[in-house]
C-alpha atoms as a PDB file:
ATOM      1  CA  UNK A   1     -28.124  16.491  35.704  1.00  0.00           C
ATOM      2  CA  UNK A   2     -29.443  13.535  37.656  1.00  0.00           C
ATOM      3  CA  UNK A   3     -28.308  11.224  34.865  1.00  0.00           C
ATOM      4  CA  UNK A   4     -24.714  12.372  35.244  1.00  0.00           C
ATOM      5  CA  UNK A   5     -24.692  11.573  38.952  1.00  0.00           C
ATOM      6  CA  UNK A   6     -26.192   8.138  38.325  1.00  0.00           C
ATOM      7  CA  UNK A   7     -23.806   7.217  35.502  1.00  0.00           C
ATOM      8  CA  UNK A   8     -20.837   6.101  37.686  1.00  0.00           C
ATOM      9  CA  UNK A   9     -23.036   3.861  39.826  1.00  0.00           C
ATOM     10  CA  UNK A  10     -24.694   2.343  36.767  1.00  0.00           C
ATOM     11  CA  UNK A  11     -21.344   1.803  35.075  1.00  0.00           C
ATOM     12  CA  UNK A  12     -19.953   0.079  38.183  1.00  0.00           C
ATOM     13  CA  UNK A  13     -22.954  -2.265  38.306  1.00  0.00           C
ATOM     14  CA  UNK A  14     -22.678  -3.182  34.638  1.00  0.00           C
ATOM     15  CA  UNK A  15     -18.942  -3.815  34.845  1.00  0.00           C
ATOM     16  CA  UNK A  16     -19.298  -6.000  37.944  1.00  0.00           C
ATOM     17  CA  UNK A  17     -21.891  -8.156  36.154  1.00  0.00           C
ATOM     18  CA  UNK A  18     -19.773  -8.547  33.033  1.00  0.00           C
ATOM     19  CA  UNK A  19     -16.408  -8.911  34.775  1.00  0.00           C
ATOM     20  CA  UNK A  20     -15.634 -12.564  34.146  1.00  0.00           C
ATOM     21  CA  UNK A  21     -12.140 -13.828  33.456  1.00  0.00           C
ATOM     22  CA  UNK A  22     -12.131 -15.917  30.248  1.00  0.00           C
ATOM     23  CA  UNK A  23     -10.455 -19.312  30.033  1.00  0.00           C
ATOM     24  CA  UNK A  24      -7.218 -19.621  28.057  1.00  0.00           C
ATOM     25  CA  UNK A  25      -8.963 -21.583  25.305  1.00  0.00           C
ATOM     26  CA  UNK A  26     -11.649 -18.904  24.895  1.00  0.00           C
ATOM     27  CA  UNK A  27      -9.252 -16.159  23.811  1.00  0.00           C
ATOM     28  CA  UNK A  28      -8.199 -16.310  20.140  1.00  0.00           C
ATOM     29  CA  UNK A  29      -7.059 -13.683  17.687  1.00  0.00           C
ATOM     30  CA  UNK A  30      -9.167 -15.045  14.844  1.00  0.00           C
ATOM     31  CA  UNK A  31      -9.304 -14.419  11.128  1.00  0.00           C
ATOM     32  CA  UNK A  32     -10.425 -10.822  11.471  1.00  0.00           C
ATOM     33  CA  UNK A  33      -7.266  -9.876  13.364  1.00  0.00           C
ATOM     34  CA  UNK A  34      -5.155 -11.730  10.806  1.00  0.00           C
ATOM     35  CA  UNK A  35      -6.879  -9.835   7.987  1.00  0.00           C
ATOM     36  CA  UNK A  36      -6.290  -6.503   9.699  1.00  0.00           C
ATOM     37  CA  UNK A  37      -2.627  -7.417  10.215  1.00  0.00           C
ATOM     38  CA  UNK A  38      -2.193  -8.284   6.523  1.00  0.00           C
ATOM     39  CA  UNK A  39      -4.017  -5.082   5.494  1.00  0.00           C
ATOM     40  CA  UNK A  40      -1.636  -3.009   7.643  1.00  0.00           C
ATOM     41  CA  UNK A  41       1.373  -4.711   6.045  1.00  0.00           C
ATOM     42  CA  UNK A  42      -0.003  -3.959   2.565  1.00  0.00           C
ATOM     43  CA  UNK A  43      -0.717  -0.328   3.534  1.00  0.00           C
ATOM     44  CA  UNK A  44       2.844   0.201   4.803  1.00  0.00           C
ATOM     45  CA  UNK A  45       4.279  -1.392   1.654  1.00  0.00           C
ATOM     46  CA  UNK A  46       2.157   0.871  -0.580  1.00  0.00           C
ATOM     47  CA  UNK A  47       3.208   3.942   1.399  1.00  0.00           C
ATOM     48  CA  UNK A  48       6.843   2.913   1.043  1.00  0.00           C
ATOM     49  CA  UNK A  49       6.537   2.496  -2.733  1.00  0.00           C
ATOM     50  CA  UNK A  50       4.783   5.855  -2.993  1.00  0.00           C
ATOM     51  CA  UNK A  51       7.510   7.545  -0.938  1.00  0.00           C
ATOM     52  CA  UNK A  52      10.254   6.109  -3.154  1.00  0.00           C
ATOM     53  CA  UNK A  53       8.373   7.238  -6.265  1.00  0.00           C
ATOM     54  CA  UNK A  54       7.972  10.790  -4.941  1.00  0.00           C
ATOM     55  CA  UNK A  55      11.630  10.972  -3.902  1.00  0.00           C
ATOM     56  CA  UNK A  56      12.707   9.863  -7.383  1.00  0.00           C
ATOM     57  CA  UNK A  57      10.480  12.503  -8.968  1.00  0.00           C
ATOM     58  CA  UNK A  58      11.932  15.196  -6.692  1.00  0.00           C
ATOM     59  CA  UNK A  59      15.492  14.052  -7.459  1.00  0.00           C
ATOM     60  CA  UNK A  60      14.795  14.104 -11.222  1.00  0.00           C
ATOM     61  CA  UNK A  61      13.253  17.584 -10.945  1.00  0.00           C
ATOM     62  CA  UNK A  62      16.263  18.826  -8.975  1.00  0.00           C
ATOM     63  CA  UNK A  63      18.660  17.422 -11.567  1.00  0.00           C
ATOM     64  CA  UNK A  64      16.600  19.054 -14.339  1.00  0.00           C
ATOM     65  CA  UNK A  65      17.007  22.417 -12.605  1.00  0.00           C
ATOM     66  CA  UNK A  66      13.371  22.949 -11.651  1.00  0.00           C
ATOM     67  CA  UNK A  67      14.326  24.133  -8.174  1.00  0.00           C
ATOM     68  CA  UNK A  68      17.198  26.310  -9.305  1.00  0.00           C
ATOM     69  CA  UNK A  69      20.873  25.836  -8.542  1.00  0.00           C
ATOM     70  CA  UNK A  70      21.589  24.581  -5.061  1.00  0.00           C
ATOM     71  CA  UNK A  71      25.202  24.292  -4.001  1.00  0.00           C
ATOM     72  CA  UNK A  72      26.303  23.196  -0.561  1.00  0.00           C
ATOM     73  CA  UNK A  73      28.820  26.066  -0.439  1.00  0.00           C
ATOM     74  CA  UNK A  74      26.161  28.665  -1.298  1.00  0.00           C
ATOM     75  CA  UNK A  75      23.702  27.290   1.234  1.00  0.00           C
ATOM     76  CA  UNK A  76      26.229  27.408   4.056  1.00  0.00           C
ATOM     77  CA  UNK A  77      27.310  30.950   3.125  1.00  0.00           C
ATOM     78  CA  UNK A  78      23.713  32.219   3.309  1.00  0.00           C
ATOM     79  CA  UNK A  79      23.163  30.902   6.825  1.00  0.00           C
ATOM     80  CA  UNK A  80      23.723  33.449   9.582  1.00  0.00           C
ATOM     81  CA  UNK A  81      26.759  32.883  11.758  1.00  0.00           C
ATOM     82  CA  UNK A  82      26.264  31.550  15.251  1.00  0.00           C
ATOM     83  CA  UNK A  83      26.261  34.325  17.805  1.00  0.00           C
ATOM     84  CA  UNK A  84      28.527  33.852  20.779  1.00  0.00           C
ATOM     85  CA  UNK A  85      27.453  35.214  24.129  1.00  0.00           C
END
């Protein structure tokens, strides 16, 4: 329990020692950040291709009748009517 009461004071001391404002030339994104950025672009592209593939498979299955007949008129007739107060 004594450690928990000392933690804020210790944290304040450590932050005050390390709290230096860097020069403008010291701050750079670097190659690691560029690599992460490219990896995120590739991941989004792969997810997009996968989504399109799955949507095409679902469309082909629907056209083949796997899901059964779905008509817009039948779907709207099965919905309950809005109740008016």
